[in-house]
Protein backbone atom coordinates (compact mmCIF):
# COMPACT_ATOMS: atom_id res chain seq x y z
CA MET A 1 156.33 92.27 108.34
CA ASN A 2 156.14 90.23 111.52
CA LYS A 3 158.76 88.38 112.84
CA VAL A 4 158.58 85.15 114.32
CA ALA A 5 161.55 85.53 116.91
CA GLY A 6 159.47 88.24 118.81
CA THR A 7 156.21 86.49 119.11
CA PHE A 8 154.69 85.34 122.62
CA LYS A 9 151.36 83.61 123.55
CA ILE A 10 148.93 83.83 126.31
CA ILE A 11 148.14 80.46 127.79
CA GLU A 12 145.09 80.03 129.93
CA ASN A 13 144.59 77.49 132.59
CA TRP A 14 141.54 76.73 134.75
CA LYS A 15 141.39 74.79 138.00
CA PHE A 16 137.87 73.92 139.65
CA GLU A 17 137.56 72.69 143.08
CA ARG A 18 134.26 71.60 144.91
CA VAL A 19 134.82 71.62 148.51
CA ASN A 20 132.80 70.63 151.57
CA HIS A 21 131.66 74.00 153.07
CA ASP A 22 131.90 72.98 156.79
CA THR A 23 135.17 70.78 156.68
CA GLN A 24 136.88 72.41 153.60
CA GLU A 25 137.71 68.75 152.38
CA VAL A 26 138.08 68.79 148.48
CA ILE A 27 135.23 66.54 146.86
CA ASP A 28 136.91 66.63 143.33
CA THR A 29 139.22 68.91 141.25
CA GLN A 30 139.16 69.39 137.30
CA GLU A 31 141.79 71.45 135.46
CA PHE A 32 141.85 72.42 131.61
CA CYS A 33 142.65 75.23 129.09
CA ASN A 34 140.11 77.05 126.98
CA THR A 35 139.86 80.40 125.11
CA ILE A 36 141.23 84.13 125.52
CA VAL A 37 138.50 86.08 123.62
CA ASN A 38 138.65 88.87 121.48
CA ASP A 39 137.92 91.62 123.86
CA GLY A 40 140.61 90.12 126.20
CA LEU A 41 143.25 90.25 123.38
CA GLU A 42 142.19 93.96 122.84
CA ARG A 43 142.56 94.88 126.50
CA VAL A 44 146.12 93.10 126.67
CA ALA A 45 147.26 95.17 123.55
CA ARG A 46 146.07 98.37 125.06
CA LEU A 47 147.58 97.59 128.38
CA ILE A 48 150.98 97.09 126.82
CA ASN A 49 151.26 100.54 125.57
CA GLY A 50 149.16 102.51 128.35
CA ASN A 51 146.16 102.72 126.07
CA SER A 52 144.13 101.30 129.04
CA SER A 53 144.83 101.20 132.64
CA THR A 54 142.06 98.91 133.49
CA TYR A 55 143.34 95.43 134.36
CA PHE A 56 141.64 92.08 134.61
CA ARG A 57 140.34 91.65 138.33
CA ALA A 58 137.19 89.45 138.81
CA LEU A 59 135.94 85.93 138.24
CA ALA A 60 132.51 85.05 137.24
CA ILE A 61 130.54 81.73 137.05
CA GLY A 62 127.42 80.61 135.25
CA THR A 63 125.20 77.83 134.03
CA GLY A 64 125.29 78.53 130.34
CA ALA A 65 126.15 75.41 128.00
CA ASN A 66 126.92 77.29 124.61
CA ALA A 67 130.66 76.57 123.29
CA VAL A 68 133.15 79.20 123.80
CA THR A 69 133.75 81.41 120.92
CA ASN A 70 136.33 84.11 120.37
CA ALA A 71 133.71 86.86 120.05
CA ASP A 72 132.26 85.88 123.48
CA ALA A 73 131.77 88.95 125.68
CA THR A 74 129.63 87.86 128.57
CA LEU A 75 128.79 84.31 130.02
CA GLN A 76 125.77 83.02 128.74
CA THR A 77 124.02 82.47 132.01
CA GLU A 78 126.06 84.44 134.81
CA VAL A 79 124.94 83.22 138.43
CA ALA A 80 127.80 85.05 140.65
CA ARG A 81 130.82 87.43 140.02
CA ALA A 82 133.32 88.46 142.44
CA SER A 83 136.51 90.28 142.68
CA ALA A 84 139.49 87.89 142.61
CA THR A 85 142.41 87.54 144.83
CA LEU A 86 145.36 88.59 142.17
CA THR A 87 148.74 87.31 142.57
CA TYR A 88 151.76 87.03 140.49
CA GLU A 89 153.95 83.71 140.18
CA ALA A 90 157.50 83.25 138.96
CA SER A 91 157.69 82.19 135.03
CA TYR A 92 155.26 84.90 134.17
CA LYS A 93 151.85 83.79 135.54
CA ALA A 94 149.19 85.99 136.87
CA LYS A 95 146.68 84.09 139.12
CA PHE A 96 142.93 84.90 139.88
CA ALA A 97 141.23 82.91 142.51
CA HIS A 98 138.10 82.90 144.36
CA THR A 99 135.92 80.84 146.68
CA PHE A 100 132.37 81.09 145.47
CA VAL A 101 129.89 80.47 148.51
CA PHE A 102 125.83 79.54 148.08
CA ALA A 103 123.20 80.64 150.09
CA SER A 104 120.79 78.10 151.90
CA GLY A 105 118.26 76.94 149.29
CA VAL A 106 120.16 77.96 146.40
CA THR A 107 121.61 75.06 144.32
CA HIS A 108 123.26 75.33 140.80
CA THR A 109 124.99 73.26 138.10
CA ILE A 110 128.12 75.56 137.24
CA THR A 111 129.23 74.95 133.59
CA GLU A 112 130.89 78.22 132.61
CA ALA A 113 133.60 80.73 134.06
CA GLY A 114 135.13 83.81 132.96
CA ILE A 115 137.75 86.44 133.98
CA PHE A 116 136.62 89.99 133.84
CA ASP A 117 137.87 93.76 134.24
CA SER A 118 135.14 94.44 136.91
CA ALA A 119 133.22 92.74 139.69
CA THR A 120 130.39 94.88 137.97
CA VAL A 121 128.53 93.24 135.14
CA SER A 122 127.53 96.24 133.33
CA GLY A 123 130.27 97.73 130.97
CA SER A 124 132.88 95.08 132.10
CA LYS A 125 135.32 93.57 129.37
CA MET A 126 136.08 89.67 129.49
CA LEU A 127 139.46 88.14 129.12
CA ALA A 128 138.71 84.61 128.93
CA ARG A 129 135.64 82.21 129.16
CA THR A 130 135.55 78.38 129.70
CA THR A 131 133.06 75.81 129.61
CA PHE A 132 132.83 72.31 131.34
CA ALA A 133 130.87 69.39 132.66
CA GLY A 134 128.29 70.57 135.21
CA LYS A 135 129.58 70.98 138.93
CA GLU A 136 126.83 71.03 141.43
CA VAL A 137 127.21 73.51 144.13
CA SER A 138 125.00 74.49 147.14
CA VAL A 139 125.08 75.74 150.70
CA ASP A 140 127.08 72.60 151.57
CA VAL A 141 129.48 72.60 148.59
CA ASP A 142 131.72 75.85 147.73
CA LEU A 143 133.44 76.30 144.34
CA ILE A 144 136.98 77.46 144.25
CA VAL A 145 138.00 78.80 140.96
CA THR A 146 141.53 79.44 140.04
CA ALA A 147 142.40 81.09 136.68
CA THR A 148 146.16 81.26 135.75
CA ILE A 149 147.26 83.23 132.78
CA THR A 150 150.76 82.44 131.45
CA VAL A 151 152.90 84.74 129.08
CA ALA A 152 155.35 82.80 127.27
CA ARG A 153 157.35 82.64 124.11
CA ALA A 154 155.61 81.18 121.11
């Protein structure tokens, strides 16, 4: 029998900032929540009791438009993935951040992002996925992605 008093929740918050590559001036910002996926819940449970030592450490972005589901294991159309800067903030918050910079001649309309346990696509596990209105990026416009995972009492 499960007791309510001992429950907790995992809250996912995302922040996307488009910035001018040359001046670093913020063009626009969007913040929202979305979904911790099944593979993410499984890995968190394994980390709690030492059944895994592989933590989440990378962010990926893509151009897919499919709605997020609990069963998602990948981005629909991934275009970039990188190791994130990992920090811990007071009040039980793990933060993942990365600035995606794009090559000359490359433009994308970014519509999805995810947190993964590896900067390598093959064999990686996803913690969370989100989709959003398109964000145009190019050699002139960088995209700063910040994901904050908060562990809290339910």
